[in-house]
Every structure is written in C-alpha cells, then in structure tokens.
Amino acid sequence: MIDELRDRTINEKVGGAFKLTTLIQKRLVTLNKGAKPLVHMPGASNLEIAVQEIMQDKIFLSMKDELRTVEDDDLRDSFDFDSV
C-alpha cells in the first residue's frame, strides 16, 4: 500500500476521497496511454507516480473535474487571449 494514501493530507489536498479517486483514475488513464510522468521515479508503478504527482502539486482537478497539470496551466498563463 502506498503510505500517502493512508494519510489524510492527500485527501485534504484535492478536496476529499471522491475527488482523489477521480484524479488518480484520470491520471492513470493518461499514464497508461503513454503520457510522460511529471516526477522522476524509476521502477515505480503508474499509481505510485500519480500519487507523487498529486503530493508535489503537479496535477489537480479543474473546476469541471478535468485533469490538469501544472504544465498545462503554465502554457495557458503565457498565452495572450486578447490577441485571438
């Protein structure tokens, strides 16, 4: 068992057990499809990677419960929507 999942900190970080489950499931789908991990953990399972990404604030759920990464938001912040 992954120790972080036993601690309430990760639940509080994402807003509860349901949101945590949703976030992990969505991230596992992307990792299983070949997405690049946002943390360096050689030999770790995709579940362990997803949990570490949450703990390091690399992934989160948007207001619409969509998976977002810090990289996604960084790109969005640098885009000038006024020029479109």
PDB file of N, CA and C in Angstrom:
ATOM      1  N   MET A   1       0.849  -1.184   0.000  1.00  0.00           N
ATOM      2  CA  MET A   1       0.000   0.000   0.000  1.00  0.00           C
ATOM      3  C   MET A   1       0.888   1.239   0.000  1.00  0.00           C
ATOM      4  N   ILE A   2       0.449   2.233  -0.681  1.00  0.00           N
ATOM      5  CA  ILE A   2       1.182   3.492  -0.755  1.00  0.00           C
ATOM      6  C   ILE A   2       0.867   4.310   0.500  1.00  0.00           C
ATOM      7  N   ASP A   3       1.910   4.651   1.256  1.00  0.00           N
ATOM      8  CA  ASP A   3       1.742   5.322   2.545  1.00  0.00           C
ATOM      9  C   ASP A   3       0.945   6.624   2.445  1.00  0.00           C
ATOM     10  N   GLU A   4       1.151   7.391   1.378  1.00  0.00           N
ATOM     11  CA  GLU A   4       0.452   8.675   1.236  1.00  0.00           C
ATOM     12  C   GLU A   4      -1.066   8.496   1.189  1.00  0.00           C
ATOM     13  N   LEU A   5      -1.518   7.344   0.720  1.00  0.00           N
ATOM     14  CA  LEU A   5      -2.963   7.104   0.636  1.00  0.00           C
ATOM     15  C   LEU A   5      -3.584   6.849   2.007  1.00  0.00           C
ATOM     16  N   ARG A   6      -2.775   6.468   2.975  1.00  0.00           N
ATOM     17  CA  ARG A   6      -3.268   6.259   4.346  1.00  0.00           C
ATOM     18  C   ARG A   6      -3.395   7.575   5.098  1.00  0.00           C
ATOM     19  N   ASP A   7      -2.662   8.571   4.672  1.00  0.00           N
ATOM     20  CA  ASP A   7      -2.627   9.865   5.341  1.00  0.00           C
ATOM     21  C   ASP A   7      -3.758  10.752   4.810  1.00  0.00           C
ATOM     22  N   ARG A   8      -4.388  11.500   5.693  1.00  0.00           N
ATOM     23  CA  ARG A   8      -5.492  12.378   5.288  1.00  0.00           C
ATOM     24  C   ARG A   8      -5.019  13.590   4.494  1.00  0.00           C
ATOM     25  N   THR A   9      -3.744  13.864   4.525  1.00  0.00           N
ATOM     26  CA  THR A   9      -3.201  15.044   3.848  1.00  0.00           C
ATOM     27  C   THR A   9      -3.540  15.037   2.365  1.00  0.00           C
ATOM     28  N   ILE A  10      -3.391  13.892   1.719  1.00  0.00           N
ATOM     29  CA  ILE A  10      -3.652  13.832   0.282  1.00  0.00           C
ATOM     30  C   ILE A  10      -5.139  14.047  -0.010  1.00  0.00           C
ATOM     31  N   ASN A  11      -6.025  13.539   0.862  1.00  0.00           N
ATOM     32  CA  ASN A  11      -7.464  13.787   0.686  1.00  0.00           C
ATOM     33  C   ASN A  11      -7.777  15.268   0.800  1.00  0.00           C
ATOM     34  N   GLU A  12      -7.201  15.915   1.796  1.00  0.00           N
ATOM     35  CA  GLU A  12      -7.433  17.336   2.004  1.00  0.00           C
ATOM     36  C   GLU A  12      -6.859  18.168   0.862  1.00  0.00           C
ATOM     37  N   LYS A  13      -5.752  17.723   0.306  1.00  0.00           N
ATOM     38  CA  LYS A  13      -5.081  18.440  -0.778  1.00  0.00           C
ATOM     39  C   LYS A  13      -5.985  18.570  -2.004  1.00  0.00           C
ATOM     40  N   VAL A  14      -6.770  17.526  -2.297  1.00  0.00           N
ATOM     41  CA  VAL A  14      -7.597  17.538  -3.503  1.00  0.00           C
ATOM     42  C   VAL A  14      -9.078  17.780  -3.229  1.00  0.00           C
ATOM     43  N   GLY A  15      -9.480  17.792  -1.961  1.00  0.00           N
ATOM     44  CA  GLY A  15     -10.867  18.094  -1.649  1.00  0.00           C
ATOM     45  C   GLY A  15     -11.724  16.906  -1.278  1.00  0.00           C
ATOM     46  N   GLY A  16     -11.109  15.818  -0.854  1.00  0.00           N
ATOM     47  CA  GLY A  16     -11.872  14.665  -0.387  1.00  0.00           C
ATOM     48  C   GLY A  16     -11.549  13.389  -1.138  1.00  0.00           C
ATOM     49  N   ALA A  17     -12.050  12.295  -0.596  1.00  0.00           N
ATOM     50  CA  ALA A  17     -11.745  10.970  -1.138  1.00  0.00           C
ATOM     51  C   ALA A  17     -12.298  10.778  -2.544  1.00  0.00           C
ATOM     52  N   PHE A  18     -13.502  11.279  -2.811  1.00  0.00           N
ATOM     53  CA  PHE A  18     -14.089  11.116  -4.140  1.00  0.00           C
ATOM     54  C   PHE A  18     -13.243  11.826  -5.195  1.00  0.00           C
ATOM     55  N   LYS A  19     -12.857  13.075  -4.924  1.00  0.00           N
ATOM     56  CA  LYS A  19     -12.037  13.815  -5.878  1.00  0.00           C
ATOM     57  C   LYS A  19     -10.661  13.178  -6.033  1.00  0.00           C
ATOM     58  N   LEU A  20     -10.114  12.650  -4.941  1.00  0.00           N
ATOM     59  CA  LEU A  20      -8.829  11.968  -5.019  1.00  0.00           C
ATOM     60  C   LEU A  20      -8.929  10.754  -5.943  1.00  0.00           C
ATOM     61  N   THR A  21      -9.971   9.967  -5.762  1.00  0.00           N
ATOM     62  CA  THR A  21     -10.172   8.788  -6.597  1.00  0.00           C
ATOM     63  C   THR A  21     -10.324   9.188  -8.058  1.00  0.00           C
ATOM     64  N   THR A  22     -11.092  10.236  -8.306  1.00  0.00           N
ATOM     65  CA  THR A  22     -11.302  10.722  -9.670  1.00  0.00           C
ATOM     66  C   THR A  22      -9.989  11.171 -10.296  1.00  0.00           C
ATOM     67  N   LEU A  23      -9.211  11.946  -9.553  1.00  0.00           N
ATOM     68  CA  LEU A  23      -7.937  12.453 -10.063  1.00  0.00           C
ATOM     69  C   LEU A  23      -6.970  11.316 -10.360  1.00  0.00           C
ATOM     70  N   ILE A  24      -6.851  10.372  -9.448  1.00  0.00           N
ATOM     71  CA  ILE A  24      -5.945   9.245  -9.664  1.00  0.00           C
ATOM     72  C   ILE A  24      -6.384   8.450 -10.885  1.00  0.00           C
ATOM     73  N   GLN A  25      -7.668   8.164 -10.992  1.00  0.00           N
ATOM     74  CA  GLN A  25      -8.172   7.379 -12.119  1.00  0.00           C
ATOM     75  C   GLN A  25      -7.896   8.083 -13.441  1.00  0.00           C
ATOM     76  N   LYS A  26      -8.171   9.379 -13.515  1.00  0.00           N
ATOM     77  CA  LYS A  26      -7.939  10.116 -14.756  1.00  0.00           C
ATOM     78  C   LYS A  26      -6.448  10.149 -15.100  1.00  0.00           C
ATOM     79  N   ARG A  27      -5.600  10.315 -14.101  1.00  0.00           N
ATOM     80  CA  ARG A  27      -4.157  10.345 -14.373  1.00  0.00           C
ATOM     81  C   ARG A  27      -3.652   8.974 -14.795  1.00  0.00           C
ATOM     82  N   LEU A  28      -4.179   7.903 -14.179  1.00  0.00           N
ATOM     83  CA  LEU A  28      -3.773   6.561 -14.574  1.00  0.00           C
ATOM     84  C   LEU A  28      -4.120   6.292 -16.035  1.00  0.00           C
ATOM     85  N   VAL A  29      -5.256   6.769 -16.480  1.00  0.00           N
ATOM     86  CA  VAL A  29      -5.640   6.595 -17.885  1.00  0.00           C
ATOM     87  C   VAL A  29      -4.611   7.259 -18.788  1.00  0.00           C
ATOM     88  N   THR A  30      -4.221   8.504 -18.463  1.00  0.00           N
ATOM     89  CA  THR A  30      -3.252   9.198 -19.316  1.00  0.00           C
ATOM     90  C   THR A  30      -1.876   8.543 -19.266  1.00  0.00           C
ATOM     91  N   LEU A  31      -1.457   8.109 -18.084  1.00  0.00           N
ATOM     92  CA  LEU A  31      -0.154   7.438 -17.976  1.00  0.00           C
ATOM     93  C   LEU A  31      -0.164   6.103 -18.721  1.00  0.00           C
ATOM     94  N   ASN A  32      -1.251   5.359 -18.616  1.00  0.00           N
ATOM     95  CA  ASN A  32      -1.345   4.077 -19.321  1.00  0.00           C
ATOM     96  C   ASN A  32      -1.368   4.257 -20.832  1.00  0.00           C
ATOM     97  N   LYS A  33      -1.804   5.421 -21.292  1.00  0.00           N
ATOM     98  CA  LYS A  33      -1.809   5.717 -22.730  1.00  0.00           C
ATOM     99  C   LYS A  33      -0.465   6.259 -23.203  1.00  0.00           C
ATOM    100  N   GLY A  34       0.484   6.419 -22.277  1.00  0.00           N
ATOM    101  CA  GLY A  34       1.827   6.835 -22.670  1.00  0.00           C
ATOM    102  C   GLY A  34       2.232   8.243 -22.295  1.00  0.00           C
ATOM    103  N   ALA A  35       1.439   8.934 -21.492  1.00  0.00           N
ATOM    104  CA  ALA A  35       1.807  10.286 -21.068  1.00  0.00           C
ATOM    105  C   ALA A  35       3.102  10.238 -20.259  1.00  0.00           C
ATOM    106  N   LYS A  36       3.886  11.282 -20.388  1.00  0.00           N
ATOM    107  CA  LYS A  36       5.159  11.372 -19.670  1.00  0.00           C
ATOM    108  C   LYS A  36       4.911  11.687 -18.199  1.00  0.00           C
ATOM    109  N   PRO A  37       5.501  10.920 -17.275  1.00  0.00           N
ATOM    110  CA  PRO A  37       5.369  11.236 -15.849  1.00  0.00           C
ATOM    111  C   PRO A  37       5.966  12.612 -15.538  1.00  0.00           C
ATOM    112  N   LEU A  38       5.376  13.304 -14.593  1.00  0.00           N
ATOM    113  CA  LEU A  38       5.849  14.624 -14.199  1.00  0.00           C
ATOM    114  C   LEU A  38       6.810  14.565 -13.021  1.00  0.00           C
ATOM    115  N   VAL A  39       7.071  13.351 -12.533  1.00  0.00           N
ATOM    116  CA  VAL A  39       8.045  13.129 -11.464  1.00  0.00           C
ATOM    117  C   VAL A  39       8.981  12.007 -11.907  1.00  0.00           C
ATOM    118  N   HIS A  40      10.208  12.067 -11.423  1.00  0.00           N
ATOM    119  CA  HIS A  40      11.197  11.040 -11.781  1.00  0.00           C
ATOM    120  C   HIS A  40      11.207   9.964 -10.697  1.00  0.00           C
ATOM    121  N   MET A  41      10.666   8.779 -11.051  1.00  0.00           N
ATOM    122  CA  MET A  41      10.601   7.672 -10.101  1.00  0.00           C
ATOM    123  C   MET A  41      10.863   6.362 -10.854  1.00  0.00           C
ATOM    124  N   PRO A  42      12.116   6.058 -11.163  1.00  0.00           N
ATOM    125  CA  PRO A  42      12.420   4.829 -11.906  1.00  0.00           C
ATOM    126  C   PRO A  42      11.885   3.592 -11.178  1.00  0.00           C
ATOM    127  N   GLY A  43      11.218   2.726 -11.926  1.00  0.00           N
ATOM    128  CA  GLY A  43      10.710   1.476 -11.377  1.00  0.00           C
ATOM    129  C   GLY A  43       9.393   1.588 -10.631  1.00  0.00           C
ATOM    130  N   ALA A  44       8.851   2.776 -10.537  1.00  0.00           N
ATOM    131  CA  ALA A  44       7.588   2.969  -9.811  1.00  0.00           C
ATOM    132  C   ALA A  44       6.403   2.602 -10.698  1.00  0.00           C
ATOM    133  N   SER A  45       5.338   2.174 -10.059  1.00  0.00           N
ATOM    134  CA  SER A  45       4.106   1.883 -10.801  1.00  0.00           C
ATOM    135  C   SER A  45       3.440   3.202 -11.187  1.00  0.00           C
ATOM    136  N   ASN A  46       2.514   3.139 -12.136  1.00  0.00           N
ATOM    137  CA  ASN A  46       1.784   4.346 -12.522  1.00  0.00           C
ATOM    138  C   ASN A  46       0.972   4.903 -11.362  1.00  0.00           C
ATOM    139  N   LEU A  47       0.469   4.047 -10.498  1.00  0.00           N
ATOM    140  CA  LEU A  47      -0.262   4.507  -9.317  1.00  0.00           C
ATOM    141  C   LEU A  47       0.661   5.292  -8.398  1.00  0.00           C
ATOM    142  N   GLU A  48       1.857   4.777  -8.150  1.00  0.00           N
ATOM    143  CA  GLU A  48       2.817   5.482  -7.303  1.00  0.00           C
ATOM    144  C   GLU A  48       3.199   6.825  -7.919  1.00  0.00           C
ATOM    145  N   ILE A  49       3.349   6.851  -9.234  1.00  0.00           N
ATOM    146  CA  ILE A  49       3.682   8.098  -9.932  1.00  0.00           C
ATOM    147  C   ILE A  49       2.547   9.105  -9.772  1.00  0.00           C
ATOM    148  N   ALA A  50       1.304   8.670  -9.994  1.00  0.00           N
ATOM    149  CA  ALA A  50       0.157   9.566  -9.874  1.00  0.00           C
ATOM    150  C   ALA A  50       0.058  10.150  -8.463  1.00  0.00           C
ATOM    151  N   VAL A  51       0.259   9.334  -7.456  1.00  0.00           N
ATOM    152  CA  VAL A  51       0.185   9.809  -6.071  1.00  0.00           C
ATOM    153  C   VAL A  51       1.284  10.841  -5.814  1.00  0.00           C
ATOM    154  N   GLN A  52       2.496  10.591  -6.279  1.00  0.00           N
ATOM    155  CA  GLN A  52       3.581  11.555  -6.081  1.00  0.00           C
ATOM    156  C   GLN A  52       3.320  12.846  -6.828  1.00  0.00           C
ATOM    157  N   GLU A  53       2.739  12.758  -8.023  1.00  0.00           N
ATOM    158  CA  GLU A  53       2.403  13.967  -8.782  1.00  0.00           C
ATOM    159  C   GLU A  53       1.391  14.817  -8.001  1.00  0.00           C
ATOM    160  N   ILE A  54       0.461  14.165  -7.341  1.00  0.00           N
ATOM    161  CA  ILE A  54      -0.504  14.897  -6.515  1.00  0.00           C
ATOM    162  C   ILE A  54       0.201  15.524  -5.317  1.00  0.00           C
ATOM    163  N   MET A  55       1.021  14.752  -4.633  1.00  0.00           N
ATOM    164  CA  MET A  55       1.712  15.242  -3.444  1.00  0.00           C
ATOM    165  C   MET A  55       2.636  16.416  -3.764  1.00  0.00           C
ATOM    166  N   GLN A  56       3.197  16.424  -4.970  1.00  0.00           N
ATOM    167  CA  GLN A  56       4.103  17.504  -5.371  1.00  0.00           C
ATOM    168  C   GLN A  56       3.374  18.616  -6.126  1.00  0.00           C
ATOM    169  N   ASP A  57       2.036  18.595  -6.097  1.00  0.00           N
ATOM    170  CA  ASP A  57       1.214  19.623  -6.753  1.00  0.00           C
ATOM    171  C   ASP A  57       1.491  19.737  -8.251  1.00  0.00           C
ATOM    172  N   LYS A  58       1.752  18.612  -8.886  1.00  0.00           N
ATOM    173  CA  LYS A  58       1.995  18.598 -10.329  1.00  0.00           C
ATOM    174  C   LYS A  58       0.701  18.409 -11.119  1.00  0.00           C
ATOM    175  N   ILE A  59      -0.311  17.769 -10.499  1.00  0.00           N
ATOM    176  CA  ILE A  59      -1.599  17.562 -11.154  1.00  0.00           C
ATOM    177  C   ILE A  59      -2.719  17.927 -10.194  1.00  0.00           C
ATOM    178  N   PHE A  60      -3.864  18.274 -10.751  1.00  0.00           N
ATOM    179  CA  PHE A  60      -5.026  18.634  -9.943  1.00  0.00           C
ATOM    180  C   PHE A  60      -6.267  18.542 -10.819  1.00  0.00           C
ATOM    181  N   LEU A  61      -7.428  18.646 -10.208  1.00  0.00           N
ATOM    182  CA  LEU A  61      -8.680  18.668 -10.949  1.00  0.00           C
ATOM    183  C   LEU A  61      -9.100  20.112 -11.165  1.00  0.00           C
ATOM    184  N   SER A  62      -9.577  20.403 -12.370  1.00  0.00           N
ATOM    185  CA  SER A  62     -10.115  21.733 -12.639  1.00  0.00           C
ATOM    186  C   SER A  62     -11.492  21.855 -11.990  1.00  0.00           C
ATOM    187  N   MET A  63     -12.091  23.003 -12.111  1.00  0.00           N
ATOM    188  CA  MET A  63     -13.432  23.208 -11.563  1.00  0.00           C
ATOM    189  C   MET A  63     -14.456  22.280 -12.212  1.00  0.00           C
ATOM    190  N   LYS A  64     -14.170  21.819 -13.429  1.00  0.00           N
ATOM    191  CA  LYS A  64     -15.067  20.904 -14.142  1.00  0.00           C
ATOM    192  C   LYS A  64     -14.649  19.457 -13.947  1.00  0.00           C
ATOM    193  N   ASP A  65     -13.819  19.179 -12.931  1.00  0.00           N
ATOM    194  CA  ASP A  65     -13.301  17.839 -12.642  1.00  0.00           C
ATOM    195  C   ASP A  65     -12.514  17.245 -13.812  1.00  0.00           C
ATOM    196  N   GLU A  66     -11.817  18.105 -14.534  1.00  0.00           N
ATOM    197  CA  GLU A  66     -10.929  17.656 -15.597  1.00  0.00           C
ATOM    198  C   GLU A  66      -9.507  17.603 -15.057  1.00  0.00           C
ATOM    199  N   LEU A  67      -8.746  16.629 -15.535  1.00  0.00           N
ATOM    200  CA  LEU A  67      -7.342  16.517 -15.133  1.00  0.00           C
ATOM    201  C   LEU A  67      -6.562  17.686 -15.704  1.00  0.00           C
ATOM    202  N   ARG A  68      -5.803  18.367 -14.865  1.00  0.00           N
ATOM    203  CA  ARG A  68      -4.944  19.469 -15.291  1.00  0.00           C
ATOM    204  C   ARG A  68      -3.557  19.230 -14.723  1.00  0.00           C
ATOM    205  N   THR A  69      -2.562  19.646 -15.456  1.00  0.00           N
ATOM    206  CA  THR A  69      -1.199  19.577 -14.961  1.00  0.00           C
ATOM    207  C   THR A  69      -0.677  20.989 -14.772  1.00  0.00           C
ATOM    208  N   VAL A  70       0.359  21.102 -14.001  1.00  0.00           N
ATOM    209  CA  VAL A  70       0.984  22.406 -13.806  1.00  0.00           C
ATOM    210  C   VAL A  70       1.486  22.930 -15.147  1.00  0.00           C
ATOM    211  N   GLU A  71       2.000  22.042 -15.983  1.00  0.00           N
ATOM    212  CA  GLU A  71       2.488  22.440 -17.309  1.00  0.00           C
ATOM    213  C   GLU A  71       1.367  23.012 -18.158  1.00  0.00           C
ATOM    214  N   ASP A  72       0.164  22.419 -18.109  1.00  0.00           N
ATOM    215  CA  ASP A  72      -0.985  22.941 -18.849  1.00  0.00           C
ATOM    216  C   ASP A  72      -1.276  24.366 -18.435  1.00  0.00           C
ATOM    217  N   ASP A  73      -1.315  24.616 -17.147  1.00  0.00           N
ATOM    218  CA  ASP A  73      -1.620  25.951 -16.652  1.00  0.00           C
ATOM    219  C   ASP A  73      -0.517  26.942 -16.983  1.00  0.00           C
ATOM    220  N   ASP A  74       0.743  26.510 -16.966  1.00  0.00           N
ATOM    221  CA  ASP A  74       1.845  27.400 -17.326  1.00  0.00           C
ATOM    222  C   ASP A  74       1.702  27.850 -18.777  1.00  0.00           C
ATOM    223  N   LEU A  75       1.348  26.943 -19.670  1.00  0.00           N
ATOM    224  CA  LEU A  75       1.150  27.300 -21.071  1.00  0.00           C
ATOM    225  C   LEU A  75      -0.035  28.233 -21.229  1.00  0.00           C
ATOM    226  N   ARG A  76      -1.075  27.997 -20.488  1.00  0.00           N
ATOM    227  CA  ARG A  76      -2.275  28.817 -20.570  1.00  0.00           C
ATOM    228  C   ARG A  76      -1.993  30.230 -20.084  1.00  0.00           C
ATOM    229  N   ASP A  77      -1.206  30.352 -19.009  1.00  0.00           N
ATOM    230  CA  ASP A  77      -0.880  31.662 -18.472  1.00  0.00           C
ATOM    231  C   ASP A  77      -0.014  32.472 -19.425  1.00  0.00           C
ATOM    232  N   SER A  78       0.781  31.794 -20.239  1.00  0.00           N
ATOM    233  CA  SER A  78       1.681  32.524 -21.143  1.00  0.00           C
ATOM    234  C   SER A  78       1.004  32.880 -22.460  1.00  0.00           C
ATOM    235  N   PHE A  79      -0.200  32.391 -22.695  1.00  0.00           N
ATOM    236  CA  PHE A  79      -0.906  32.660 -23.946  1.00  0.00           C
ATOM    237  C   PHE A  79      -1.681  33.964 -23.809  1.00  0.00           C
ATOM    238  N   ASP A  80      -1.585  34.800 -24.798  1.00  0.00           N
ATOM    239  CA  ASP A  80      -2.278  36.081 -24.797  1.00  0.00           C
ATOM    240  C   ASP A  80      -3.640  35.919 -25.462  1.00  0.00           C
ATOM    241  N   PHE A  81      -4.698  35.794 -24.658  1.00  0.00           N
ATOM    242  CA  PHE A  81      -6.027  35.587 -25.190  1.00  0.00           C
ATOM    243  C   PHE A  81      -6.578  36.831 -25.880  1.00  0.00           C
ATOM    244  N   ASP A  82      -6.049  37.994 -25.571  1.00  0.00           N
ATOM    245  CA  ASP A  82      -6.520  39.227 -26.187  1.00  0.00           C
ATOM    246  C   ASP A  82      -6.124  39.315 -27.656  1.00  0.00           C
ATOM    247  N   SER A  83      -5.106  38.595 -28.061  1.00  0.00           N
ATOM    248  CA  SER A  83      -4.638  38.670 -29.446  1.00  0.00           C
ATOM    249  C   SER A  83      -5.373  37.724 -30.372  1.00  0.00           C
ATOM    250  N   VAL A  84      -6.290  36.935 -29.813  1.00  0.00           N
ATOM    251  CA  VAL A  84      -7.018  35.953 -30.633  1.00  0.00           C
ATOM    252  C   VAL A  84      -8.195  36.619 -31.299  1.00  0.00           C
TER     253      VAL A  84
END
